N, C-alpha and C. Protein backbone atom coordinates (compact mmCIF):
# COMPACT_ATOMS: atom_id res chain seq x y z
N MET A 1 17.33 8.74 7.81
CA MET A 1 18.37 7.73 7.93
C MET A 1 19.48 8.26 8.83
N ASN A 2 19.87 7.46 9.83
CA ASN A 2 20.92 7.92 10.74
C ASN A 2 22.30 7.79 10.11
N LEU A 3 23.29 8.31 10.81
CA LEU A 3 24.65 8.38 10.27
C LEU A 3 25.21 7.00 9.97
N GLN A 4 25.01 6.04 10.86
CA GLN A 4 25.57 4.70 10.67
C GLN A 4 24.95 4.00 9.46
N ASN A 5 23.63 4.08 9.33
CA ASN A 5 22.98 3.45 8.18
C ASN A 5 23.42 4.08 6.87
N ALA A 6 23.55 5.41 6.87
CA ALA A 6 24.00 6.10 5.66
C ALA A 6 25.41 5.67 5.29
N TYR A 7 26.25 5.53 6.30
CA TYR A 7 27.64 5.09 6.06
C TYR A 7 27.67 3.69 5.46
N TYR A 8 26.90 2.78 6.04
CA TYR A 8 26.90 1.40 5.55
C TYR A 8 26.31 1.30 4.14
N GLU A 9 25.28 2.07 3.87
CA GLU A 9 24.70 2.01 2.53
C GLU A 9 25.67 2.57 1.49
N GLN A 10 26.42 3.59 1.86
CA GLN A 10 27.40 4.14 0.93
C GLN A 10 28.53 3.13 0.69
N LYS A 11 28.93 2.45 1.74
CA LYS A 11 29.99 1.45 1.60
C LYS A 11 29.50 0.26 0.77
N PHE A 12 28.26 -0.14 0.98
CA PHE A 12 27.66 -1.21 0.18
C PHE A 12 27.61 -0.84 -1.30
N GLU A 13 27.18 0.40 -1.58
CA GLU A 13 27.10 0.85 -2.97
C GLU A 13 28.49 0.88 -3.60
N ASN A 14 29.48 1.26 -2.83
CA ASN A 14 30.84 1.28 -3.34
C ASN A 14 31.30 -0.13 -3.73
N LEU A 15 30.97 -1.13 -2.92
CA LEU A 15 31.30 -2.51 -3.25
C LEU A 15 30.60 -2.95 -4.53
N PHE A 16 29.33 -2.58 -4.66
CA PHE A 16 28.56 -2.94 -5.86
C PHE A 16 29.20 -2.34 -7.11
N LEU A 17 29.57 -1.08 -7.04
CA LEU A 17 30.10 -0.39 -8.21
C LEU A 17 31.45 -0.94 -8.65
N ARG A 18 32.23 -1.43 -7.71
CA ARG A 18 33.58 -1.87 -8.03
C ARG A 18 33.67 -3.35 -8.42
N ALA A 19 32.71 -4.15 -8.01
CA ALA A 19 32.79 -5.59 -8.26
C ALA A 19 32.42 -5.93 -9.70
N LYS A 20 33.22 -6.79 -10.32
CA LYS A 20 32.96 -7.26 -11.68
C LYS A 20 33.20 -8.77 -11.73
N GLY A 21 32.53 -9.44 -12.66
CA GLY A 21 32.78 -10.85 -12.90
C GLY A 21 32.59 -11.71 -11.67
N TYR A 22 33.58 -12.58 -11.41
CA TYR A 22 33.48 -13.51 -10.28
C TYR A 22 33.43 -12.75 -8.96
N GLU A 23 34.11 -11.62 -8.87
CA GLU A 23 34.08 -10.82 -7.65
C GLU A 23 32.66 -10.35 -7.34
N PHE A 24 31.90 -10.00 -8.39
CA PHE A 24 30.52 -9.57 -8.19
C PHE A 24 29.66 -10.74 -7.70
N GLN A 25 29.89 -11.91 -8.26
CA GLN A 25 29.12 -13.08 -7.82
C GLN A 25 29.40 -13.40 -6.36
N THR A 26 30.66 -13.29 -5.94
CA THR A 26 31.01 -13.51 -4.54
C THR A 26 30.34 -12.47 -3.65
N PHE A 27 30.32 -11.22 -4.10
CA PHE A 27 29.64 -10.13 -3.38
C PHE A 27 28.15 -10.46 -3.23
N PHE A 28 27.52 -10.93 -4.30
CA PHE A 28 26.10 -11.27 -4.27
C PHE A 28 25.83 -12.41 -3.29
N GLU A 29 26.64 -13.44 -3.33
CA GLU A 29 26.44 -14.59 -2.44
C GLU A 29 26.60 -14.19 -0.98
N ARG A 30 27.57 -13.34 -0.69
CA ARG A 30 27.77 -12.88 0.70
C ARG A 30 26.56 -12.09 1.16
N LEU A 31 26.08 -11.20 0.32
CA LEU A 31 24.91 -10.38 0.65
C LEU A 31 23.69 -11.25 0.93
N MET A 32 23.40 -12.17 0.03
CA MET A 32 22.21 -13.01 0.18
C MET A 32 22.33 -13.93 1.39
N GLY A 33 23.53 -14.45 1.63
CA GLY A 33 23.73 -15.31 2.78
C GLY A 33 23.50 -14.59 4.10
N LEU A 34 23.95 -13.34 4.19
CA LEU A 34 23.74 -12.55 5.41
C LEU A 34 22.28 -12.14 5.56
N ALA A 35 21.63 -11.83 4.46
CA ALA A 35 20.25 -11.34 4.52
C ALA A 35 19.24 -12.46 4.77
N TYR A 36 19.47 -13.62 4.17
CA TYR A 36 18.48 -14.70 4.22
C TYR A 36 18.95 -15.95 4.96
N LYS A 37 20.20 -15.97 5.40
CA LYS A 37 20.74 -17.09 6.16
C LYS A 37 20.55 -18.41 5.40
N ALA A 38 20.02 -19.44 6.09
CA ALA A 38 19.92 -20.77 5.51
C ALA A 38 18.88 -20.86 4.40
N ASP A 39 18.04 -19.85 4.27
CA ASP A 39 17.04 -19.86 3.20
C ASP A 39 17.69 -19.71 1.83
N PHE A 40 18.88 -19.13 1.80
CA PHE A 40 19.59 -18.95 0.53
C PHE A 40 20.66 -20.02 0.38
N MET A 41 20.67 -20.66 -0.78
CA MET A 41 21.64 -21.71 -1.07
C MET A 41 22.57 -21.23 -2.18
N ALA A 42 23.83 -20.98 -1.84
CA ALA A 42 24.81 -20.63 -2.86
C ALA A 42 25.21 -21.90 -3.61
N CYS A 43 25.67 -21.73 -4.84
CA CYS A 43 26.03 -22.87 -5.68
C CYS A 43 27.44 -22.68 -6.23
N ARG A 44 28.30 -23.65 -6.02
CA ARG A 44 29.66 -23.59 -6.50
C ARG A 44 29.82 -24.49 -7.73
N PRO A 45 30.60 -24.07 -8.71
CA PRO A 45 30.88 -24.94 -9.87
C PRO A 45 31.52 -26.25 -9.40
N TRP A 46 31.17 -27.35 -10.09
CA TRP A 46 31.66 -28.66 -9.69
C TRP A 46 32.19 -29.40 -10.90
N GLY A 47 33.50 -29.54 -10.98
CA GLY A 47 34.12 -30.29 -12.06
C GLY A 47 33.71 -29.79 -13.43
N GLY A 48 33.46 -30.74 -14.33
CA GLY A 48 33.06 -30.39 -15.69
C GLY A 48 31.62 -29.97 -15.80
N GLU A 49 30.83 -30.15 -14.73
CA GLU A 49 29.41 -29.80 -14.77
C GLU A 49 29.18 -28.31 -14.53
N GLY A 50 30.15 -27.62 -13.99
CA GLY A 50 29.96 -26.21 -13.67
C GLY A 50 28.91 -26.04 -12.58
N ASP A 51 28.15 -24.96 -12.66
CA ASP A 51 27.10 -24.71 -11.67
C ASP A 51 25.71 -25.01 -12.21
N ARG A 52 25.64 -25.59 -13.41
CA ARG A 52 24.36 -25.92 -14.05
C ARG A 52 23.42 -24.72 -14.10
N LYS A 53 23.98 -23.57 -14.40
CA LYS A 53 23.21 -22.33 -14.57
C LYS A 53 22.48 -21.92 -13.30
N ASN A 54 23.13 -22.15 -12.18
CA ASN A 54 22.56 -21.83 -10.88
C ASN A 54 23.57 -20.99 -10.10
N ASP A 55 23.27 -19.70 -9.90
CA ASP A 55 24.14 -18.82 -9.12
C ASP A 55 23.57 -18.55 -7.73
N GLY A 56 22.61 -19.37 -7.32
CA GLY A 56 22.00 -19.22 -6.01
C GLY A 56 20.52 -19.52 -6.06
N PHE A 57 19.99 -20.01 -4.94
CA PHE A 57 18.58 -20.41 -4.89
C PHE A 57 17.98 -19.97 -3.57
N LEU A 58 16.84 -19.27 -3.63
CA LEU A 58 16.12 -18.84 -2.43
C LEU A 58 14.94 -19.77 -2.24
N LYS A 59 15.04 -20.64 -1.24
CA LYS A 59 14.08 -21.74 -1.09
C LYS A 59 12.66 -21.25 -0.85
N SER A 60 12.48 -20.28 0.04
CA SER A 60 11.13 -19.85 0.42
C SER A 60 10.36 -19.26 -0.75
N GLU A 61 11.06 -18.72 -1.74
CA GLU A 61 10.40 -18.11 -2.89
C GLU A 61 10.56 -18.93 -4.17
N ARG A 62 11.20 -20.09 -4.05
CA ARG A 62 11.46 -20.95 -5.22
C ARG A 62 12.07 -20.11 -6.35
N CYS A 63 13.07 -19.33 -5.97
CA CYS A 63 13.67 -18.36 -6.89
C CYS A 63 15.10 -18.78 -7.22
N LEU A 64 15.38 -18.88 -8.51
CA LEU A 64 16.72 -19.21 -8.99
C LEU A 64 17.38 -17.94 -9.51
N PHE A 65 18.64 -17.74 -9.16
CA PHE A 65 19.36 -16.53 -9.54
C PHE A 65 20.42 -16.84 -10.60
N GLN A 66 20.55 -15.89 -11.52
CA GLN A 66 21.65 -15.93 -12.47
C GLN A 66 22.36 -14.58 -12.42
N VAL A 67 23.66 -14.59 -12.20
CA VAL A 67 24.44 -13.36 -12.04
C VAL A 67 25.23 -13.09 -13.31
N TYR A 68 25.14 -11.84 -13.78
CA TYR A 68 25.88 -11.45 -14.98
C TYR A 68 26.45 -10.06 -14.74
N ALA A 69 27.77 -9.97 -14.64
CA ALA A 69 28.40 -8.69 -14.29
C ALA A 69 29.68 -8.48 -15.08
N PRO A 70 29.57 -8.27 -16.39
CA PRO A 70 30.77 -8.04 -17.20
C PRO A 70 31.30 -6.62 -17.02
N ASN A 71 32.50 -6.38 -17.50
CA ASN A 71 33.03 -5.02 -17.48
C ASN A 71 32.23 -4.11 -18.41
N GLU A 72 31.85 -4.63 -19.57
CA GLU A 72 31.02 -3.91 -20.53
C GLU A 72 29.95 -4.86 -21.03
N MET A 73 28.69 -4.41 -21.07
CA MET A 73 27.61 -5.27 -21.53
C MET A 73 27.42 -5.10 -23.03
N GLU A 74 28.13 -5.91 -23.81
CA GLU A 74 28.02 -5.87 -25.26
C GLU A 74 26.78 -6.64 -25.70
N ALA A 75 26.07 -6.10 -26.68
CA ALA A 75 24.76 -6.63 -27.08
C ALA A 75 24.82 -8.10 -27.46
N LYS A 76 25.69 -8.46 -28.37
CA LYS A 76 25.73 -9.83 -28.88
C LYS A 76 26.11 -10.83 -27.79
N LYS A 77 27.16 -10.52 -27.03
CA LYS A 77 27.62 -11.42 -25.98
C LYS A 77 26.57 -11.54 -24.87
N ALA A 78 25.98 -10.41 -24.50
CA ALA A 78 25.00 -10.42 -23.42
C ALA A 78 23.78 -11.25 -23.80
N THR A 79 23.28 -11.06 -25.01
CA THR A 79 22.10 -11.80 -25.47
C THR A 79 22.37 -13.30 -25.48
N ALA A 80 23.53 -13.69 -26.01
CA ALA A 80 23.88 -15.11 -26.07
C ALA A 80 24.03 -15.72 -24.68
N LYS A 81 24.71 -14.99 -23.78
CA LYS A 81 24.95 -15.51 -22.43
C LYS A 81 23.66 -15.63 -21.64
N ILE A 82 22.79 -14.62 -21.70
CA ILE A 82 21.55 -14.65 -20.94
C ILE A 82 20.64 -15.76 -21.46
N THR A 83 20.57 -15.92 -22.77
CA THR A 83 19.75 -16.98 -23.35
C THR A 83 20.25 -18.35 -22.92
N GLU A 84 21.56 -18.55 -22.99
CA GLU A 84 22.15 -19.82 -22.57
C GLU A 84 21.85 -20.12 -21.10
N ASP A 85 21.95 -19.10 -20.24
CA ASP A 85 21.71 -19.29 -18.81
C ASP A 85 20.24 -19.61 -18.53
N PHE A 86 19.33 -18.92 -19.19
CA PHE A 86 17.91 -19.15 -18.93
C PHE A 86 17.48 -20.53 -19.43
N GLU A 87 17.86 -20.88 -20.63
CA GLU A 87 17.48 -22.18 -21.17
C GLU A 87 18.14 -23.31 -20.37
N GLY A 88 19.37 -23.09 -19.93
CA GLY A 88 20.04 -24.08 -19.09
C GLY A 88 19.37 -24.23 -17.74
N ALA A 89 18.90 -23.12 -17.17
CA ALA A 89 18.20 -23.17 -15.89
C ALA A 89 16.94 -24.02 -16.00
N LYS A 90 16.21 -23.86 -17.09
CA LYS A 90 15.00 -24.67 -17.29
C LYS A 90 15.36 -26.15 -17.44
N LEU A 91 16.44 -26.42 -18.14
CA LEU A 91 16.85 -27.81 -18.36
C LEU A 91 17.20 -28.52 -17.06
N TYR A 92 17.93 -27.85 -16.18
CA TYR A 92 18.42 -28.49 -14.97
C TYR A 92 17.50 -28.32 -13.76
N TRP A 93 16.78 -27.20 -13.67
CA TRP A 93 16.10 -26.86 -12.42
C TRP A 93 14.60 -26.58 -12.56
N GLU A 94 14.02 -26.88 -13.69
CA GLU A 94 12.63 -26.47 -13.94
C GLU A 94 11.66 -26.96 -12.87
N LYS A 95 11.90 -28.13 -12.30
CA LYS A 95 10.99 -28.68 -11.28
C LYS A 95 11.11 -27.95 -9.95
N HIS A 96 12.15 -27.18 -9.79
CA HIS A 96 12.43 -26.59 -8.48
C HIS A 96 12.15 -25.09 -8.39
N PHE A 97 12.00 -24.40 -9.50
CA PHE A 97 11.81 -22.94 -9.41
C PHE A 97 10.66 -22.48 -10.30
N ASN A 98 10.02 -21.41 -9.87
CA ASN A 98 9.02 -20.74 -10.70
C ASN A 98 9.26 -19.23 -10.75
N LYS A 99 10.46 -18.83 -10.28
CA LYS A 99 10.87 -17.43 -10.38
C LYS A 99 12.35 -17.40 -10.74
N TRP A 100 12.69 -16.59 -11.74
CA TRP A 100 14.08 -16.50 -12.21
C TRP A 100 14.51 -15.04 -12.15
N CYS A 101 15.58 -14.79 -11.39
CA CYS A 101 16.06 -13.42 -11.21
C CYS A 101 17.40 -13.25 -11.92
N PHE A 102 17.44 -12.24 -12.77
CA PHE A 102 18.66 -11.91 -13.51
C PHE A 102 19.35 -10.77 -12.76
N VAL A 103 20.45 -11.09 -12.08
CA VAL A 103 21.18 -10.12 -11.26
C VAL A 103 22.31 -9.52 -12.09
N HIS A 104 22.34 -8.20 -12.17
CA HIS A 104 23.31 -7.53 -13.04
C HIS A 104 23.96 -6.35 -12.33
N ASN A 105 25.00 -5.81 -12.95
CA ASN A 105 25.74 -4.69 -12.35
C ASN A 105 25.61 -3.41 -13.18
N ALA A 106 24.59 -3.33 -14.02
CA ALA A 106 24.39 -2.14 -14.87
C ALA A 106 23.78 -1.03 -14.02
N VAL A 107 24.59 -0.05 -13.65
CA VAL A 107 24.15 1.00 -12.72
C VAL A 107 23.00 1.83 -13.29
N ASP A 108 23.07 2.16 -14.57
CA ASP A 108 22.08 3.03 -15.18
C ASP A 108 20.93 2.26 -15.84
N GLY A 109 20.79 0.98 -15.55
CA GLY A 109 19.71 0.18 -16.11
C GLY A 109 20.18 -0.67 -17.27
N LEU A 110 19.36 -1.64 -17.62
CA LEU A 110 19.69 -2.56 -18.70
C LEU A 110 19.43 -1.95 -20.06
N PRO A 111 20.22 -2.30 -21.06
CA PRO A 111 20.01 -1.78 -22.42
C PRO A 111 18.76 -2.39 -23.05
N PRO A 112 18.24 -1.76 -24.12
CA PRO A 112 16.96 -2.20 -24.69
C PRO A 112 16.96 -3.63 -25.20
N HIS A 113 18.08 -4.11 -25.76
CA HIS A 113 18.09 -5.49 -26.28
C HIS A 113 17.93 -6.51 -25.16
N VAL A 114 18.42 -6.19 -23.96
CA VAL A 114 18.24 -7.10 -22.83
C VAL A 114 16.80 -7.05 -22.33
N HIS A 115 16.21 -5.86 -22.29
CA HIS A 115 14.79 -5.73 -21.93
C HIS A 115 13.94 -6.58 -22.87
N GLU A 116 14.19 -6.44 -24.15
CA GLU A 116 13.42 -7.18 -25.15
C GLU A 116 13.57 -8.69 -24.96
N LEU A 117 14.78 -9.12 -24.68
CA LEU A 117 15.04 -10.54 -24.47
C LEU A 117 14.30 -11.07 -23.25
N LEU A 118 14.37 -10.35 -22.13
CA LEU A 118 13.70 -10.80 -20.90
C LEU A 118 12.19 -10.81 -21.06
N LEU A 119 11.65 -9.81 -21.74
CA LEU A 119 10.21 -9.78 -21.98
C LEU A 119 9.79 -10.95 -22.87
N GLY A 120 10.64 -11.32 -23.81
CA GLY A 120 10.36 -12.47 -24.65
C GLY A 120 10.36 -13.77 -23.86
N PHE A 121 11.31 -13.91 -22.93
CA PHE A 121 11.33 -15.08 -22.05
C PHE A 121 10.03 -15.17 -21.26
N GLU A 122 9.60 -14.04 -20.73
CA GLU A 122 8.40 -14.00 -19.90
C GLU A 122 7.16 -14.34 -20.72
N ARG A 123 7.10 -13.85 -21.94
CA ARG A 123 5.97 -14.14 -22.81
C ARG A 123 5.91 -15.63 -23.17
N ASP A 124 7.05 -16.21 -23.45
CA ASP A 124 7.10 -17.61 -23.89
C ASP A 124 7.09 -18.60 -22.73
N ASN A 125 7.22 -18.09 -21.50
CA ASN A 125 7.24 -18.97 -20.32
C ASN A 125 6.32 -18.40 -19.25
N PRO A 126 5.01 -18.45 -19.46
CA PRO A 126 4.07 -17.80 -18.54
C PRO A 126 4.08 -18.36 -17.12
N ASP A 127 4.62 -19.56 -16.93
CA ASP A 127 4.65 -20.16 -15.60
C ASP A 127 5.88 -19.74 -14.79
N ILE A 128 6.77 -18.99 -15.42
CA ILE A 128 7.98 -18.53 -14.74
C ILE A 128 7.96 -17.01 -14.61
N GLU A 129 8.08 -16.53 -13.39
CA GLU A 129 8.16 -15.08 -13.15
C GLU A 129 9.60 -14.63 -13.31
N LEU A 130 9.80 -13.57 -14.08
CA LEU A 130 11.16 -13.05 -14.32
C LEU A 130 11.33 -11.69 -13.68
N GLU A 131 12.47 -11.48 -13.04
CA GLU A 131 12.78 -10.19 -12.44
C GLU A 131 14.24 -9.83 -12.67
N PRO A 132 14.52 -8.64 -13.18
CA PRO A 132 15.91 -8.15 -13.20
C PRO A 132 16.23 -7.48 -11.87
N TRP A 133 17.38 -7.79 -11.32
CA TRP A 133 17.83 -7.19 -10.06
C TRP A 133 19.11 -6.40 -10.31
N GLY A 134 19.06 -5.12 -9.97
CA GLY A 134 20.23 -4.26 -10.06
C GLY A 134 20.56 -3.65 -8.71
N LEU A 135 21.14 -2.47 -8.73
CA LEU A 135 21.59 -1.82 -7.50
C LEU A 135 20.47 -1.62 -6.50
N GLU A 136 19.33 -1.08 -6.94
CA GLU A 136 18.27 -0.74 -5.99
C GLU A 136 17.63 -1.98 -5.38
N GLU A 137 17.48 -3.05 -6.17
CA GLU A 137 16.92 -4.29 -5.63
C GLU A 137 17.87 -4.90 -4.60
N LEU A 138 19.16 -4.86 -4.90
CA LEU A 138 20.14 -5.39 -3.95
C LEU A 138 20.27 -4.51 -2.72
N ARG A 139 20.03 -3.22 -2.89
CA ARG A 139 20.04 -2.32 -1.72
C ARG A 139 18.93 -2.71 -0.74
N GLU A 140 17.76 -3.08 -1.28
CA GLU A 140 16.66 -3.52 -0.41
C GLU A 140 17.04 -4.80 0.33
N VAL A 141 17.75 -5.69 -0.34
CA VAL A 141 18.24 -6.90 0.33
C VAL A 141 19.22 -6.52 1.44
N PHE A 142 20.10 -5.57 1.16
CA PHE A 142 21.09 -5.15 2.15
C PHE A 142 20.42 -4.61 3.41
N ARG A 143 19.28 -3.97 3.26
CA ARG A 143 18.58 -3.41 4.42
C ARG A 143 18.02 -4.49 5.34
N ARG A 144 18.00 -5.73 4.88
CA ARG A 144 17.59 -6.84 5.72
C ARG A 144 18.73 -7.33 6.63
N VAL A 145 19.94 -6.98 6.28
CA VAL A 145 21.11 -7.47 7.03
C VAL A 145 21.15 -6.80 8.40
N CYS A 146 21.30 -7.59 9.45
CA CYS A 146 21.30 -7.04 10.80
C CYS A 146 22.59 -6.27 11.08
N SER A 147 22.57 -5.46 12.12
CA SER A 147 23.71 -4.59 12.42
C SER A 147 24.96 -5.39 12.76
N GLU A 148 24.81 -6.55 13.43
CA GLU A 148 25.98 -7.36 13.76
C GLU A 148 26.67 -7.88 12.50
N ASP A 149 25.87 -8.30 11.52
CA ASP A 149 26.44 -8.82 10.28
C ASP A 149 27.03 -7.70 9.43
N ARG A 150 26.42 -6.52 9.48
CA ARG A 150 27.01 -5.37 8.78
C ARG A 150 28.39 -5.06 9.35
N LEU A 151 28.48 -5.11 10.66
CA LEU A 151 29.76 -4.83 11.32
C LEU A 151 30.83 -5.85 10.92
N SER A 152 30.46 -7.14 10.91
CA SER A 152 31.45 -8.18 10.58
C SER A 152 31.86 -8.12 9.12
N TRP A 153 30.96 -7.66 8.25
CA TRP A 153 31.26 -7.61 6.82
C TRP A 153 31.99 -6.32 6.42
N LEU A 154 31.47 -5.18 6.90
CA LEU A 154 31.94 -3.89 6.42
C LEU A 154 32.74 -3.10 7.45
N GLY A 155 32.89 -3.64 8.65
CA GLY A 155 33.65 -2.94 9.67
C GLY A 155 32.80 -1.94 10.44
N PRO A 156 33.38 -1.28 11.44
CA PRO A 156 32.62 -0.34 12.26
C PRO A 156 32.24 0.93 11.50
N ALA A 157 31.08 1.47 11.84
CA ALA A 157 30.61 2.72 11.24
C ALA A 157 30.72 3.85 12.26
N PRO A 158 30.93 5.08 11.81
CA PRO A 158 30.99 6.21 12.74
C PRO A 158 29.63 6.45 13.39
N ASP A 159 29.64 6.95 14.61
CA ASP A 159 28.41 7.32 15.29
C ASP A 159 28.50 8.77 15.74
N LYS A 160 27.55 9.20 16.55
CA LYS A 160 27.53 10.60 16.98
C LYS A 160 28.80 10.96 17.75
N GLY A 161 29.33 10.00 18.49
CA GLY A 161 30.51 10.27 19.28
C GLY A 161 31.77 10.46 18.45
N THR A 162 31.79 9.88 17.28
CA THR A 162 32.99 9.98 16.43
C THR A 162 32.82 10.97 15.29
N ARG A 163 31.65 11.57 15.17
CA ARG A 163 31.38 12.47 14.05
C ARG A 163 32.39 13.61 13.99
N ALA A 164 32.71 14.18 15.16
CA ALA A 164 33.62 15.33 15.18
C ALA A 164 35.03 14.95 14.77
N GLY A 165 35.38 13.67 14.91
CA GLY A 165 36.73 13.26 14.59
C GLY A 165 36.87 12.61 13.23
N LEU A 166 35.89 12.79 12.36
CA LEU A 166 35.95 12.18 11.03
C LEU A 166 37.15 12.72 10.26
N GLY A 167 37.88 11.83 9.63
CA GLY A 167 39.03 12.23 8.82
C GLY A 167 38.88 11.75 7.39
N PHE A 168 39.98 11.86 6.65
CA PHE A 168 39.93 11.51 5.23
C PHE A 168 39.56 10.04 5.01
N GLN A 169 40.04 9.14 5.90
CA GLN A 169 39.76 7.73 5.70
C GLN A 169 38.27 7.44 5.77
N ASN A 170 37.52 8.29 6.47
CA ASN A 170 36.08 8.10 6.57
C ASN A 170 35.34 8.57 5.34
N ILE A 171 35.75 9.71 4.80
CA ILE A 171 35.06 10.21 3.60
C ILE A 171 35.61 9.58 2.33
N GLN A 172 36.70 8.81 2.47
CA GLN A 172 37.28 8.16 1.29
C GLN A 172 36.28 7.21 0.64
N ILE A 173 35.44 6.58 1.44
CA ILE A 173 34.44 5.66 0.90
C ILE A 173 33.51 6.38 -0.04
N VAL A 174 33.08 7.59 0.35
CA VAL A 174 32.18 8.37 -0.50
C VAL A 174 32.90 8.77 -1.79
N LEU A 175 34.14 9.21 -1.66
CA LEU A 175 34.90 9.62 -2.84
C LEU A 175 35.12 8.46 -3.79
N GLU A 176 35.41 7.27 -3.27
CA GLU A 176 35.62 6.10 -4.11
C GLU A 176 34.33 5.70 -4.81
N SER A 177 33.21 5.85 -4.11
CA SER A 177 31.93 5.52 -4.73
C SER A 177 31.62 6.45 -5.89
N LEU A 178 31.89 7.73 -5.69
CA LEU A 178 31.66 8.70 -6.78
C LEU A 178 32.59 8.43 -7.95
N ALA A 179 33.84 8.08 -7.66
CA ALA A 179 34.81 7.81 -8.72
C ALA A 179 34.45 6.57 -9.52
N ALA A 180 33.79 5.60 -8.87
CA ALA A 180 33.45 4.35 -9.55
C ALA A 180 32.24 4.47 -10.44
N ARG A 181 31.44 5.50 -10.24
CA ARG A 181 30.25 5.68 -11.07
C ARG A 181 30.64 6.05 -12.49
N PRO A 182 29.91 5.53 -13.49
CA PRO A 182 30.21 5.91 -14.87
C PRO A 182 29.89 7.37 -15.10
N PRO A 183 30.63 8.06 -15.96
CA PRO A 183 30.36 9.48 -16.21
C PRO A 183 29.02 9.68 -16.89
N LEU A 184 28.36 10.77 -16.56
CA LEU A 184 27.09 11.09 -17.19
C LEU A 184 27.32 11.54 -18.62
N PRO A 185 26.44 11.13 -19.54
CA PRO A 185 26.63 11.56 -20.94
C PRO A 185 26.42 13.05 -21.10
N LEU A 186 27.23 13.68 -21.94
CA LEU A 186 27.11 15.11 -22.19
C LEU A 186 25.98 15.35 -23.18
N ARG A 187 25.19 16.33 -22.92
CA ARG A 187 24.09 16.67 -23.81
C ARG A 187 24.32 18.05 -24.42
N SER A 188 24.07 18.14 -25.69
CA SER A 188 24.24 19.43 -26.35
C SER A 188 23.11 20.37 -25.96
N SER A 189 23.39 21.62 -25.93
CA SER A 189 22.39 22.61 -25.55
C SER A 189 22.55 23.86 -26.40
N LYS A 190 21.42 24.40 -26.83
CA LYS A 190 21.45 25.61 -27.63
C LYS A 190 21.81 26.84 -26.80
N ARG A 191 21.74 26.66 -25.47
CA ARG A 191 22.04 27.80 -24.60
C ARG A 191 23.53 28.10 -24.54
N PHE A 192 24.35 27.11 -24.91
CA PHE A 192 25.79 27.30 -24.82
C PHE A 192 26.41 27.18 -26.20
N ARG A 193 27.39 28.02 -26.45
CA ARG A 193 28.09 28.01 -27.73
C ARG A 193 29.56 27.69 -27.52
N PRO A 194 30.22 27.16 -28.54
CA PRO A 194 31.65 26.84 -28.40
C PRO A 194 32.48 28.08 -28.09
N VAL A 195 33.59 27.86 -27.40
CA VAL A 195 34.51 28.95 -27.09
C VAL A 195 35.19 29.40 -28.38
N ARG A 196 35.44 30.71 -28.49
CA ARG A 196 36.11 31.23 -29.69
C ARG A 196 37.47 30.57 -29.88
N SER A 197 37.80 30.30 -31.12
CA SER A 197 39.11 29.72 -31.41
C SER A 197 40.23 30.74 -31.29
N ARG A 198 39.89 32.06 -31.43
CA ARG A 198 40.88 33.12 -31.29
C ARG A 198 40.54 33.98 -30.07
N PRO A 199 41.54 34.46 -29.38
CA PRO A 199 41.26 35.25 -28.18
C PRO A 199 40.55 36.56 -28.51
N MET A 200 39.68 36.99 -27.58
CA MET A 200 38.99 38.26 -27.75
C MET A 200 39.95 39.41 -27.47
N ILE A 201 39.84 40.48 -28.25
CA ILE A 201 40.69 41.67 -28.06
C ILE A 201 39.81 42.81 -27.56
N CYS A 202 40.12 43.27 -26.38
CA CYS A 202 39.33 44.36 -25.81
C CYS A 202 39.86 45.70 -26.35
N PRO A 203 38.97 46.60 -26.77
CA PRO A 203 39.40 47.91 -27.27
C PRO A 203 40.01 48.74 -26.15
N ARG A 204 41.04 49.49 -26.52
CA ARG A 204 41.67 50.36 -25.53
C ARG A 204 40.80 51.58 -25.26
N ALA A 205 40.88 52.05 -24.03
CA ALA A 205 40.09 53.23 -23.65
C ALA A 205 40.68 54.48 -24.29
């Protein structure tokens, strides 16, 4: 991967990690619109009808998208929201789609209760293909975006000519991306023991 592509992918990942709620949905719509152009149809809420459980539609694949990007994915709320969205999608759009994609912002993967729920949907609806989309799936979509659209969306990227003049503003994107990642869980290990509560006293010579 060359320097420019690496820069753009890091900047894209930074946007993914920081976006929540409606901001994440806007990020998703921009990405899909640039990658698929007129093939992707974004959907805006309309009056009291809302968006009818439609966060975007990819015509060529008959794929309906539902975006869910909370600050924290709580089991009860997530299960209720995903169920409501899927059943609502069937009610309003069943004649138009045979693939349903659940787009989420869970960096480390979906929790088990969501896996169980999605597998249950798939079992009970054999005519509908279900796919969860997270960071890596959206990264593949981003790789479809042409260089001109990357430039208009994310700004200019450094090249070989500017490599020597890289400053803090250039590496700031990487630092922000690392800061936005959730901390890794600490694991206990028998190889390490707690620090003494009292200081060690070295014997005098």
